[in-house]
Amino acid sequence: MVLVKRPASGRGRATPQAICCHPTFGVEGRGESRMRMAWSVSAACVIAIFAALAAVPWCASAAPPQTGSGSYVVTGGTVWSVRVAGGNTFVTETESAASTGIATGTFTHDIVLTLRADGSLTFRGNGMFTGTFNGVSGGFTYSLEGQGSVVSANLRGTITVLDGSGGLAGLRAAATIDGIPATGGTYTVQYH
């Protein structure tokens, strides 16, 4: 409760009266309308939050991911540039691979490959898959990154689906790849 002075007749000297009001809203009249507006805004926010939560597909995200696998063979590549700096060789290229298994189709990606003097390598890029995934036709874009060695002839990396199209719209998937650089290998994928 806040004590304020209020004019008895609207003019002249005010007399102290006890008026209930919120300290940040002022006195009755102007404060009451602000208080009503604050309650309206608060109620609207609560309603909006519950509406947003109701729209979330809770059961869809609770399902465990499924697993699939297959193999791939590198079918071609085009080198766009080669640059040497600090003992490293940087190769920018487009590479294509044919895959079988749960993902049957063609992977085509643009990558930057970094070869070090000791024979180790790293790669990173983006690409597009076209074909069928788990029997459903469509395509998806993906990111690709990993490391390996030309000395021991191995590589390991990850492919992450970014966006699906056609029957694969909404696909969420991540794969690990194991193989031989510029040759082929196997993959294991988890997907929703």
N, C-alpha and C. Protein backbone atom coordinates (compact mmCIF):
# COMPACT_ATOMS: atom_id res chain seq x y z
N MET A 1 0.84 -1.15 0.00
CA MET A 1 0.00 0.00 0.00
C MET A 1 0.89 1.22 0.00
N VAL A 2 0.52 2.22 -0.80
CA VAL A 2 1.30 3.44 -0.94
C VAL A 2 0.42 4.61 -0.52
N LEU A 3 0.98 5.51 0.27
CA LEU A 3 0.25 6.72 0.66
C LEU A 3 0.58 7.83 -0.32
N VAL A 4 -0.43 8.45 -0.86
CA VAL A 4 -0.23 9.59 -1.76
C VAL A 4 -1.17 10.70 -1.35
N LYS A 5 -0.85 11.87 -1.75
CA LYS A 5 -1.73 13.00 -1.50
C LYS A 5 -2.65 13.15 -2.69
N ARG A 6 -3.93 13.30 -2.40
CA ARG A 6 -4.93 13.40 -3.44
C ARG A 6 -5.80 14.61 -3.15
N PRO A 7 -6.03 15.45 -4.12
CA PRO A 7 -6.89 16.60 -3.87
C PRO A 7 -8.31 16.14 -3.60
N ALA A 8 -8.92 16.72 -2.60
CA ALA A 8 -10.29 16.37 -2.24
C ALA A 8 -11.27 16.81 -3.31
N SER A 9 -11.08 17.94 -3.87
CA SER A 9 -12.04 18.45 -4.84
C SER A 9 -11.45 18.53 -6.24
N GLY A 10 -10.28 18.08 -6.40
CA GLY A 10 -9.62 18.18 -7.70
C GLY A 10 -8.79 19.43 -7.79
N ARG A 11 -8.99 20.45 -6.84
CA ARG A 11 -8.20 21.67 -6.80
C ARG A 11 -7.78 21.93 -5.37
N GLY A 12 -6.86 22.74 -5.23
CA GLY A 12 -6.46 23.16 -3.90
C GLY A 12 -5.55 22.14 -3.25
N ARG A 13 -5.52 22.20 -1.93
CA ARG A 13 -4.62 21.40 -1.15
C ARG A 13 -5.11 19.95 -1.07
N ALA A 14 -4.18 18.98 -1.20
CA ALA A 14 -4.51 17.56 -1.18
C ALA A 14 -4.52 17.05 0.26
N THR A 15 -5.29 16.03 0.48
CA THR A 15 -5.31 15.36 1.79
C THR A 15 -4.76 13.97 1.60
N PRO A 16 -4.03 13.47 2.62
CA PRO A 16 -3.47 12.13 2.47
C PRO A 16 -4.57 11.08 2.49
N GLN A 17 -4.50 10.17 1.58
CA GLN A 17 -5.42 9.04 1.54
C GLN A 17 -4.63 7.79 1.18
N ALA A 18 -5.09 6.66 1.61
CA ALA A 18 -4.44 5.39 1.27
C ALA A 18 -5.04 4.90 -0.03
N ILE A 19 -4.21 4.73 -1.02
CA ILE A 19 -4.67 4.25 -2.31
C ILE A 19 -3.83 3.04 -2.67
N CYS A 20 -4.50 1.98 -3.08
CA CYS A 20 -3.78 0.77 -3.50
C CYS A 20 -3.32 0.96 -4.94
N CYS A 21 -2.05 0.77 -5.13
CA CYS A 21 -1.53 0.80 -6.49
C CYS A 21 -0.18 0.12 -6.52
N HIS A 22 0.27 -0.25 -7.70
CA HIS A 22 1.58 -0.85 -7.87
C HIS A 22 2.57 0.30 -7.94
N PRO A 23 3.72 0.22 -7.23
CA PRO A 23 4.63 1.35 -7.19
C PRO A 23 5.12 1.79 -8.56
N THR A 24 5.19 0.92 -9.53
CA THR A 24 5.70 1.33 -10.83
C THR A 24 4.60 1.82 -11.76
N PHE A 25 3.34 1.70 -11.35
CA PHE A 25 2.25 2.07 -12.22
C PHE A 25 1.63 3.41 -11.87
N GLY A 26 2.05 4.02 -10.79
CA GLY A 26 1.48 5.31 -10.42
C GLY A 26 0.24 5.13 -9.57
N VAL A 27 -0.61 6.12 -9.56
CA VAL A 27 -1.81 6.09 -8.74
C VAL A 27 -2.99 5.66 -9.56
N GLU A 28 -4.15 5.51 -8.90
CA GLU A 28 -5.33 5.03 -9.60
C GLU A 28 -5.65 5.91 -10.79
N GLY A 29 -6.37 5.38 -11.69
CA GLY A 29 -6.66 6.10 -12.93
C GLY A 29 -5.65 5.67 -13.97
N ARG A 30 -4.61 6.48 -14.12
CA ARG A 30 -3.59 6.20 -15.12
C ARG A 30 -2.88 4.87 -14.81
N GLY A 31 -2.58 4.60 -13.57
CA GLY A 31 -1.90 3.37 -13.17
C GLY A 31 -2.75 2.15 -13.40
N GLU A 32 -4.06 2.25 -13.16
CA GLU A 32 -4.93 1.10 -13.36
C GLU A 32 -4.96 0.67 -14.82
N SER A 33 -4.99 1.62 -15.74
CA SER A 33 -5.00 1.23 -17.15
C SER A 33 -3.67 0.62 -17.55
N ARG A 34 -2.57 1.13 -16.99
CA ARG A 34 -1.27 0.53 -17.27
C ARG A 34 -1.21 -0.89 -16.73
N MET A 35 -1.79 -1.07 -15.52
CA MET A 35 -1.78 -2.40 -14.91
C MET A 35 -2.59 -3.37 -15.75
N ARG A 36 -3.77 -2.93 -16.21
CA ARG A 36 -4.60 -3.79 -17.06
C ARG A 36 -3.85 -4.14 -18.34
N MET A 37 -3.15 -3.16 -18.93
CA MET A 37 -2.40 -3.40 -20.16
C MET A 37 -1.26 -4.40 -19.90
N ALA A 38 -0.58 -4.27 -18.74
CA ALA A 38 0.51 -5.18 -18.41
C ALA A 38 -0.02 -6.60 -18.27
N TRP A 39 -1.19 -6.75 -17.62
CA TRP A 39 -1.77 -8.09 -17.49
C TRP A 39 -2.17 -8.64 -18.85
N SER A 40 -2.68 -7.80 -19.73
CA SER A 40 -3.06 -8.25 -21.07
C SER A 40 -1.84 -8.72 -21.85
N VAL A 41 -0.74 -7.96 -21.77
CA VAL A 41 0.48 -8.33 -22.47
C VAL A 41 1.04 -9.63 -21.89
N SER A 42 1.03 -9.76 -20.55
CA SER A 42 1.54 -10.97 -19.92
C SER A 42 0.71 -12.18 -20.32
N ALA A 43 -0.61 -12.05 -20.32
CA ALA A 43 -1.48 -13.15 -20.72
C ALA A 43 -1.23 -13.54 -22.18
N ALA A 44 -1.03 -12.55 -23.05
CA ALA A 44 -0.77 -12.83 -24.46
C ALA A 44 0.55 -13.59 -24.62
N CYS A 45 1.57 -13.22 -23.85
CA CYS A 45 2.86 -13.92 -23.93
C CYS A 45 2.73 -15.37 -23.48
N VAL A 46 2.02 -15.60 -22.39
CA VAL A 46 1.82 -16.96 -21.89
C VAL A 46 1.08 -17.81 -22.92
N ILE A 47 0.05 -17.25 -23.53
CA ILE A 47 -0.72 -17.98 -24.54
C ILE A 47 0.18 -18.30 -25.73
N ALA A 48 1.00 -17.34 -26.17
CA ALA A 48 1.89 -17.58 -27.31
C ALA A 48 2.91 -18.66 -27.01
N ILE A 49 3.45 -18.69 -25.80
CA ILE A 49 4.43 -19.71 -25.43
C ILE A 49 3.80 -21.09 -25.45
N PHE A 50 2.59 -21.23 -24.85
CA PHE A 50 1.93 -22.54 -24.86
C PHE A 50 1.55 -22.96 -26.28
N ALA A 51 1.16 -22.03 -27.13
CA ALA A 51 0.83 -22.38 -28.51
C ALA A 51 2.07 -22.89 -29.25
N ALA A 52 3.22 -22.24 -29.01
CA ALA A 52 4.46 -22.68 -29.65
C ALA A 52 4.87 -24.07 -29.17
N LEU A 53 4.73 -24.33 -27.88
CA LEU A 53 5.07 -25.65 -27.35
C LEU A 53 4.15 -26.73 -27.88
N ALA A 54 2.89 -26.40 -28.08
CA ALA A 54 1.94 -27.37 -28.60
C ALA A 54 2.26 -27.75 -30.04
N ALA A 55 2.91 -26.85 -30.79
CA ALA A 55 3.22 -27.10 -32.20
C ALA A 55 4.46 -27.97 -32.38
N VAL A 56 5.27 -28.17 -31.34
CA VAL A 56 6.49 -28.96 -31.45
C VAL A 56 6.13 -30.44 -31.58
N PRO A 57 6.68 -31.13 -32.59
CA PRO A 57 6.38 -32.56 -32.77
C PRO A 57 7.20 -33.41 -31.80
N TRP A 58 6.76 -33.49 -30.57
CA TRP A 58 7.53 -34.18 -29.53
C TRP A 58 7.76 -35.64 -29.85
N CYS A 59 6.75 -36.36 -30.29
CA CYS A 59 6.92 -37.80 -30.50
C CYS A 59 7.85 -38.09 -31.67
N ALA A 60 7.92 -37.22 -32.67
CA ALA A 60 8.78 -37.47 -33.83
C ALA A 60 10.25 -37.41 -33.43
N SER A 61 10.61 -36.48 -32.55
CA SER A 61 12.01 -36.34 -32.19
C SER A 61 12.42 -37.37 -31.15
N ALA A 62 11.48 -38.04 -30.50
CA ALA A 62 11.81 -39.00 -29.47
C ALA A 62 12.17 -40.37 -30.06
N ALA A 63 11.86 -40.62 -31.32
CA ALA A 63 12.17 -41.91 -31.93
C ALA A 63 13.67 -42.06 -32.08
N PRO A 64 14.22 -43.23 -31.76
CA PRO A 64 15.66 -43.42 -31.92
C PRO A 64 16.04 -43.44 -33.40
N PRO A 65 17.26 -43.03 -33.73
CA PRO A 65 17.67 -43.05 -35.13
C PRO A 65 17.81 -44.48 -35.65
N GLN A 66 17.60 -44.63 -36.95
CA GLN A 66 17.81 -45.92 -37.60
C GLN A 66 19.21 -45.93 -38.18
N THR A 67 19.73 -47.11 -38.47
CA THR A 67 21.09 -47.24 -38.98
C THR A 67 21.07 -47.98 -40.31
N GLY A 68 21.90 -47.54 -41.24
CA GLY A 68 22.06 -48.20 -42.53
C GLY A 68 23.52 -48.14 -42.94
N SER A 69 23.87 -48.83 -44.01
CA SER A 69 25.26 -48.83 -44.46
C SER A 69 25.32 -49.11 -45.96
N GLY A 70 26.52 -49.03 -46.50
CA GLY A 70 26.74 -49.29 -47.91
C GLY A 70 28.19 -49.04 -48.27
N SER A 71 28.43 -48.94 -49.57
CA SER A 71 29.78 -48.69 -50.07
C SER A 71 29.74 -47.64 -51.17
N TYR A 72 30.91 -47.11 -51.49
CA TYR A 72 31.02 -46.10 -52.55
C TYR A 72 32.31 -46.32 -53.33
N VAL A 73 32.29 -45.89 -54.58
CA VAL A 73 33.47 -45.94 -55.45
C VAL A 73 33.62 -44.57 -56.09
N VAL A 74 34.80 -43.99 -56.00
CA VAL A 74 35.06 -42.70 -56.65
C VAL A 74 35.09 -42.94 -58.15
N THR A 75 34.25 -42.18 -58.89
CA THR A 75 34.13 -42.39 -60.34
C THR A 75 34.80 -41.30 -61.16
N GLY A 76 35.19 -40.21 -60.54
CA GLY A 76 35.86 -39.16 -61.30
C GLY A 76 36.12 -37.94 -60.46
N GLY A 77 36.95 -37.08 -61.01
CA GLY A 77 37.28 -35.85 -60.32
C GLY A 77 37.87 -34.84 -61.27
N THR A 78 37.65 -33.59 -60.97
CA THR A 78 38.23 -32.49 -61.75
C THR A 78 38.97 -31.58 -60.79
N VAL A 79 40.27 -31.39 -61.02
CA VAL A 79 41.07 -30.49 -60.19
C VAL A 79 40.95 -29.09 -60.77
N TRP A 80 40.54 -28.14 -59.92
CA TRP A 80 40.35 -26.76 -60.35
C TRP A 80 41.56 -25.90 -60.04
N SER A 81 42.23 -26.17 -58.95
CA SER A 81 43.43 -25.39 -58.63
C SER A 81 44.33 -26.16 -57.67
N VAL A 82 45.63 -25.87 -57.75
CA VAL A 82 46.62 -26.42 -56.84
C VAL A 82 47.49 -25.26 -56.38
N ARG A 83 47.64 -25.16 -55.06
CA ARG A 83 48.44 -24.08 -54.48
C ARG A 83 49.34 -24.68 -53.41
N VAL A 84 50.61 -24.26 -53.37
CA VAL A 84 51.55 -24.73 -52.36
C VAL A 84 51.90 -23.55 -51.47
N ALA A 85 51.81 -23.77 -50.16
CA ALA A 85 52.16 -22.73 -49.19
C ALA A 85 52.59 -23.38 -47.88
N GLY A 86 53.73 -22.94 -47.37
CA GLY A 86 54.20 -23.43 -46.07
C GLY A 86 54.41 -24.93 -46.00
N GLY A 87 54.81 -25.55 -47.09
CA GLY A 87 55.02 -26.99 -47.10
C GLY A 87 53.76 -27.81 -47.30
N ASN A 88 52.60 -27.16 -47.41
CA ASN A 88 51.32 -27.84 -47.64
C ASN A 88 50.86 -27.62 -49.08
N THR A 89 50.16 -28.59 -49.63
CA THR A 89 49.58 -28.46 -50.95
C THR A 89 48.07 -28.43 -50.81
N PHE A 90 47.44 -27.40 -51.36
CA PHE A 90 45.99 -27.22 -51.29
C PHE A 90 45.40 -27.49 -52.67
N VAL A 91 44.52 -28.47 -52.74
CA VAL A 91 43.90 -28.86 -54.00
C VAL A 91 42.40 -28.58 -53.90
N THR A 92 41.88 -27.80 -54.84
CA THR A 92 40.44 -27.57 -54.93
C THR A 92 39.93 -28.41 -56.08
N GLU A 93 38.95 -29.28 -55.78
CA GLU A 93 38.48 -30.21 -56.80
C GLU A 93 37.00 -30.53 -56.64
N THR A 94 36.43 -31.04 -57.72
CA THR A 94 35.08 -31.62 -57.70
C THR A 94 35.26 -33.11 -57.88
N GLU A 95 34.63 -33.89 -57.00
CA GLU A 95 34.76 -35.34 -57.04
C GLU A 95 33.38 -35.97 -57.09
N SER A 96 33.25 -37.06 -57.82
CA SER A 96 31.99 -37.81 -57.91
C SER A 96 32.22 -39.23 -57.42
N ALA A 97 31.17 -39.78 -56.79
CA ALA A 97 31.24 -41.16 -56.32
C ALA A 97 29.88 -41.82 -56.52
N ALA A 98 29.91 -43.10 -56.90
CA ALA A 98 28.69 -43.90 -57.00
C ALA A 98 28.57 -44.70 -55.71
N SER A 99 27.36 -44.73 -55.16
CA SER A 99 27.17 -45.46 -53.91
C SER A 99 26.09 -46.51 -54.04
N THR A 100 26.23 -47.56 -53.24
CA THR A 100 25.23 -48.62 -53.16
C THR A 100 24.89 -48.81 -51.68
N GLY A 101 23.83 -49.53 -51.41
CA GLY A 101 23.41 -49.75 -50.04
C GLY A 101 22.18 -48.91 -49.74
N ILE A 102 22.09 -48.41 -48.54
CA ILE A 102 20.91 -47.62 -48.17
C ILE A 102 20.83 -46.34 -48.99
N ALA A 103 21.98 -45.79 -49.38
CA ALA A 103 22.02 -44.62 -50.28
C ALA A 103 22.54 -45.10 -51.62
N THR A 104 21.66 -45.25 -52.58
CA THR A 104 22.05 -45.73 -53.91
C THR A 104 21.89 -44.58 -54.88
N GLY A 105 23.01 -44.13 -55.43
CA GLY A 105 22.97 -42.98 -56.33
C GLY A 105 24.34 -42.39 -56.51
N THR A 106 24.36 -41.07 -56.76
CA THR A 106 25.60 -40.36 -57.04
C THR A 106 25.82 -39.23 -56.05
N PHE A 107 27.01 -39.20 -55.49
CA PHE A 107 27.47 -38.11 -54.65
C PHE A 107 28.41 -37.25 -55.49
N THR A 108 28.21 -35.95 -55.52
CA THR A 108 29.12 -35.03 -56.20
C THR A 108 29.42 -33.89 -55.25
N HIS A 109 30.70 -33.66 -54.96
CA HIS A 109 31.04 -32.62 -53.99
C HIS A 109 32.25 -31.81 -54.44
N ASP A 110 32.26 -30.56 -54.01
CA ASP A 110 33.39 -29.66 -54.19
C ASP A 110 34.15 -29.65 -52.87
N ILE A 111 35.43 -29.99 -52.91
CA ILE A 111 36.21 -30.06 -51.69
C ILE A 111 37.52 -29.30 -51.83
N VAL A 112 38.07 -28.95 -50.69
CA VAL A 112 39.44 -28.46 -50.60
C VAL A 112 40.20 -29.52 -49.83
N LEU A 113 41.21 -30.07 -50.47
CA LEU A 113 42.04 -31.13 -49.91
C LEU A 113 43.38 -30.51 -49.53
N THR A 114 43.81 -30.72 -48.30
CA THR A 114 45.11 -30.22 -47.85
C THR A 114 46.03 -31.40 -47.63
N LEU A 115 47.13 -31.46 -48.41
CA LEU A 115 48.15 -32.51 -48.28
C LEU A 115 49.36 -31.93 -47.57
N ARG A 116 49.81 -32.61 -46.53
CA ARG A 116 50.98 -32.16 -45.79
C ARG A 116 52.21 -32.95 -46.24
N ALA A 117 53.38 -32.42 -45.92
CA ALA A 117 54.63 -33.05 -46.33
C ALA A 117 54.77 -34.47 -45.80
N ASP A 118 54.18 -34.77 -44.64
CA ASP A 118 54.28 -36.12 -44.06
C ASP A 118 53.29 -37.11 -44.68
N GLY A 119 52.48 -36.67 -45.65
CA GLY A 119 51.52 -37.54 -46.30
C GLY A 119 50.13 -37.51 -45.70
N SER A 120 49.97 -36.83 -44.57
CA SER A 120 48.62 -36.73 -43.99
C SER A 120 47.79 -35.74 -44.80
N LEU A 121 46.48 -35.89 -44.69
CA LEU A 121 45.59 -35.02 -45.45
C LEU A 121 44.34 -34.71 -44.65
N THR A 122 43.72 -33.59 -44.99
CA THR A 122 42.39 -33.23 -44.48
C THR A 122 41.57 -32.77 -45.67
N PHE A 123 40.26 -32.90 -45.56
CA PHE A 123 39.38 -32.44 -46.63
C PHE A 123 38.10 -31.88 -46.04
N ARG A 124 37.52 -30.94 -46.77
CA ARG A 124 36.28 -30.30 -46.33
C ARG A 124 35.56 -29.74 -47.55
N GLY A 125 34.22 -29.87 -47.57
CA GLY A 125 33.46 -29.33 -48.68
C GLY A 125 31.97 -29.57 -48.54
N ASN A 126 31.26 -29.30 -49.62
CA ASN A 126 29.81 -29.47 -49.68
C ASN A 126 29.46 -30.17 -50.98
N GLY A 127 28.31 -30.86 -50.99
CA GLY A 127 27.93 -31.57 -52.19
C GLY A 127 26.45 -31.84 -52.28
N MET A 128 26.11 -32.64 -53.31
CA MET A 128 24.71 -32.98 -53.60
C MET A 128 24.64 -34.47 -53.89
N PHE A 129 23.64 -35.14 -53.28
CA PHE A 129 23.35 -36.53 -53.57
C PHE A 129 22.06 -36.60 -54.37
N THR A 130 22.04 -37.48 -55.39
CA THR A 130 20.82 -37.73 -56.16
C THR A 130 20.66 -39.24 -56.28
N GLY A 131 19.47 -39.74 -55.95
CA GLY A 131 19.22 -41.18 -56.04
C GLY A 131 18.11 -41.59 -55.10
N THR A 132 18.30 -42.74 -54.45
CA THR A 132 17.32 -43.21 -53.47
C THR A 132 18.02 -43.40 -52.13
N PHE A 133 17.29 -43.11 -51.08
CA PHE A 133 17.76 -43.34 -49.72
C PHE A 133 16.71 -44.16 -49.01
N ASN A 134 17.07 -45.36 -48.59
CA ASN A 134 16.13 -46.28 -47.95
C ASN A 134 14.91 -46.51 -48.85
N GLY A 135 15.15 -46.58 -50.16
CA GLY A 135 14.09 -46.84 -51.12
C GLY A 135 13.26 -45.65 -51.53
N VAL A 136 13.57 -44.46 -51.02
CA VAL A 136 12.81 -43.25 -51.34
C VAL A 136 13.64 -42.37 -52.27
N SER A 137 13.05 -41.95 -53.41
CA SER A 137 13.76 -41.13 -54.39
C SER A 137 13.81 -39.67 -53.97
N GLY A 138 14.92 -39.03 -54.32
CA GLY A 138 15.06 -37.60 -54.04
C GLY A 138 16.52 -37.21 -54.05
N GLY A 139 16.82 -36.17 -53.35
CA GLY A 139 18.18 -35.69 -53.26
C GLY A 139 18.39 -34.96 -51.95
N PHE A 140 19.65 -34.67 -51.67
CA PHE A 140 19.95 -33.84 -50.50
C PHE A 140 21.31 -33.18 -50.67
N THR A 141 21.46 -32.04 -50.02
CA THR A 141 22.76 -31.38 -49.94
C THR A 141 23.43 -31.84 -48.65
N TYR A 142 24.74 -31.80 -48.63
CA TYR A 142 25.47 -32.29 -47.46
C TYR A 142 26.79 -31.56 -47.31
N SER A 143 27.33 -31.63 -46.10
CA SER A 143 28.70 -31.18 -45.84
C SER A 143 29.54 -32.43 -45.62
N LEU A 144 30.82 -32.31 -45.93
CA LEU A 144 31.74 -33.44 -45.91
C LEU A 144 33.05 -32.96 -45.31
N GLU A 145 33.61 -33.72 -44.38
CA GLU A 145 34.92 -33.36 -43.84
C GLU A 145 35.58 -34.60 -43.25
N GLY A 146 36.91 -34.58 -43.20
CA GLY A 146 37.62 -35.71 -42.63
C GLY A 146 39.12 -35.58 -42.76
N GLN A 147 39.80 -36.68 -42.49
CA GLN A 147 41.25 -36.71 -42.52
C GLN A 147 41.71 -38.09 -42.94
N GLY A 148 42.99 -38.19 -43.27
CA GLY A 148 43.53 -39.48 -43.69
C GLY A 148 45.01 -39.37 -43.99
N SER A 149 45.48 -40.32 -44.79
CA SER A 149 46.90 -40.34 -45.14
C SER A 149 47.07 -41.02 -46.49
N VAL A 150 47.90 -40.42 -47.35
CA VAL A 150 48.22 -41.08 -48.62
C VAL A 150 49.31 -42.12 -48.39
N VAL A 151 50.05 -42.02 -47.29
CA VAL A 151 51.10 -42.99 -46.96
C VAL A 151 50.47 -44.32 -46.54
N SER A 152 49.52 -44.26 -45.61
CA SER A 152 48.86 -45.49 -45.14
C SER A 152 47.61 -45.82 -45.94
N ALA A 153 47.29 -45.02 -46.93
CA ALA A 153 46.16 -45.21 -47.84
C ALA A 153 44.84 -45.42 -47.08
N ASN A 154 44.53 -44.46 -46.20
CA ASN A 154 43.24 -44.53 -45.51
C ASN A 154 42.67 -43.13 -45.32
N LEU A 155 41.37 -43.09 -45.15
CA LEU A 155 40.70 -41.84 -44.79
C LEU A 155 39.48 -42.16 -43.95
N ARG A 156 39.11 -41.20 -43.15
CA ARG A 156 37.92 -41.32 -42.30
C ARG A 156 37.29 -39.94 -42.28
N GLY A 157 35.96 -39.92 -42.42
CA GLY A 157 35.30 -38.63 -42.43
C GLY A 157 33.84 -38.72 -42.06
N THR A 158 33.16 -37.59 -42.15
CA THR A 158 31.73 -37.52 -41.84
C THR A 158 31.00 -36.79 -42.96
N ILE A 159 29.78 -37.22 -43.18
CA ILE A 159 28.86 -36.55 -44.11
C ILE A 159 27.63 -36.19 -43.28
N THR A 160 27.22 -34.93 -43.35
CA THR A 160 26.04 -34.47 -42.62
C THR A 160 25.03 -33.92 -43.62
N VAL A 161 23.83 -34.47 -43.62
CA VAL A 161 22.78 -33.98 -44.52
C VAL A 161 22.34 -32.60 -44.05
N LEU A 162 22.30 -31.66 -44.99
CA LEU A 162 21.90 -30.29 -44.67
C LEU A 162 20.44 -30.02 -45.02
N ASP A 163 20.01 -30.51 -46.21
CA ASP A 163 18.65 -30.21 -46.67
C ASP A 163 18.24 -31.23 -47.72
N GLY A 164 17.06 -31.80 -47.56
CA GLY A 164 16.57 -32.78 -48.51
C GLY A 164 15.56 -32.20 -49.48
N SER A 165 15.38 -32.89 -50.61
CA SER A 165 14.39 -32.46 -51.60
C SER A 165 13.67 -33.70 -52.13
N GLY A 166 12.52 -33.46 -52.80
CA GLY A 166 11.72 -34.58 -53.31
C GLY A 166 11.23 -35.42 -52.15
N GLY A 167 11.30 -36.74 -52.29
CA GLY A 167 10.87 -37.64 -51.23
C GLY A 167 11.77 -37.60 -50.01
N LEU A 168 12.94 -36.97 -50.12
CA LEU A 168 13.88 -36.91 -49.00
C LEU A 168 13.82 -35.59 -48.25
N ALA A 169 12.80 -34.78 -48.53
CA ALA A 169 12.61 -33.54 -47.77
C ALA A 169 12.41 -33.91 -46.30
N GLY A 170 13.09 -33.23 -45.42
CA GLY A 170 12.97 -33.49 -43.99
C GLY A 170 13.92 -34.56 -43.47
N LEU A 171 14.71 -35.19 -44.36
CA LEU A 171 15.66 -36.21 -43.92
C LEU A 171 16.72 -35.59 -43.02
N ARG A 172 16.96 -36.24 -41.89
CA ARG A 172 18.06 -35.85 -41.01
C ARG A 172 18.98 -37.06 -40.93
N ALA A 173 20.25 -36.87 -41.30
CA ALA A 173 21.17 -38.01 -41.34
C ALA A 173 22.61 -37.55 -41.17
N ALA A 174 23.41 -38.44 -40.60
CA ALA A 174 24.86 -38.22 -40.48
C ALA A 174 25.54 -39.56 -40.71
N ALA A 175 26.58 -39.54 -41.51
CA ALA A 175 27.29 -40.78 -41.87
C ALA A 175 28.76 -40.66 -41.55
N THR A 176 29.37 -41.79 -41.26
CA THR A 176 30.82 -41.87 -41.18
C THR A 176 31.29 -42.66 -42.40
N ILE A 177 32.42 -42.24 -42.95
CA ILE A 177 32.99 -42.94 -44.10
C ILE A 177 34.39 -43.44 -43.75
N ASP A 178 34.73 -44.61 -44.25
CA ASP A 178 36.06 -45.19 -44.13
C ASP A 178 36.46 -45.65 -45.51
N GLY A 179 37.68 -45.30 -45.93
CA GLY A 179 38.07 -45.72 -47.27
C GLY A 179 39.51 -45.44 -47.60
N ILE A 180 39.77 -45.47 -48.90
CA ILE A 180 41.08 -45.19 -49.47
C ILE A 180 40.95 -43.91 -50.28
N PRO A 181 41.85 -42.93 -50.08
CA PRO A 181 41.73 -41.67 -50.81
C PRO A 181 41.63 -41.87 -52.32
N ALA A 182 40.70 -41.15 -52.94
CA ALA A 182 40.47 -41.14 -54.39
C ALA A 182 40.12 -42.51 -54.96
N THR A 183 39.66 -43.45 -54.13
CA THR A 183 39.35 -44.80 -54.59
C THR A 183 37.93 -45.21 -54.21
N GLY A 184 37.66 -45.37 -52.93
CA GLY A 184 36.34 -45.79 -52.47
C GLY A 184 36.40 -46.29 -51.04
N GLY A 185 35.26 -46.84 -50.57
CA GLY A 185 35.21 -47.34 -49.21
C GLY A 185 33.80 -47.68 -48.78
N THR A 186 33.56 -47.62 -47.49
CA THR A 186 32.25 -47.95 -46.92
C THR A 186 31.73 -46.77 -46.11
N TYR A 187 30.43 -46.82 -45.82
CA TYR A 187 29.82 -45.79 -44.97
C TYR A 187 28.78 -46.43 -44.05
N THR A 188 28.58 -45.80 -42.92
CA THR A 188 27.53 -46.17 -41.97
C THR A 188 26.78 -44.88 -41.65
N VAL A 189 25.45 -44.95 -41.71
CA VAL A 189 24.65 -43.74 -41.54
C VAL A 189 23.59 -43.95 -40.46
N GLN A 190 23.36 -42.93 -39.67
CA GLN A 190 22.23 -42.88 -38.74
C GLN A 190 21.28 -41.82 -39.26
N TYR A 191 19.97 -42.13 -39.27
CA TYR A 191 19.02 -41.21 -39.88
C TYR A 191 17.68 -41.24 -39.17
N HIS A 192 16.93 -40.17 -39.35
CA HIS A 192 15.53 -40.04 -38.89
C HIS A 192 14.67 -39.76 -40.09
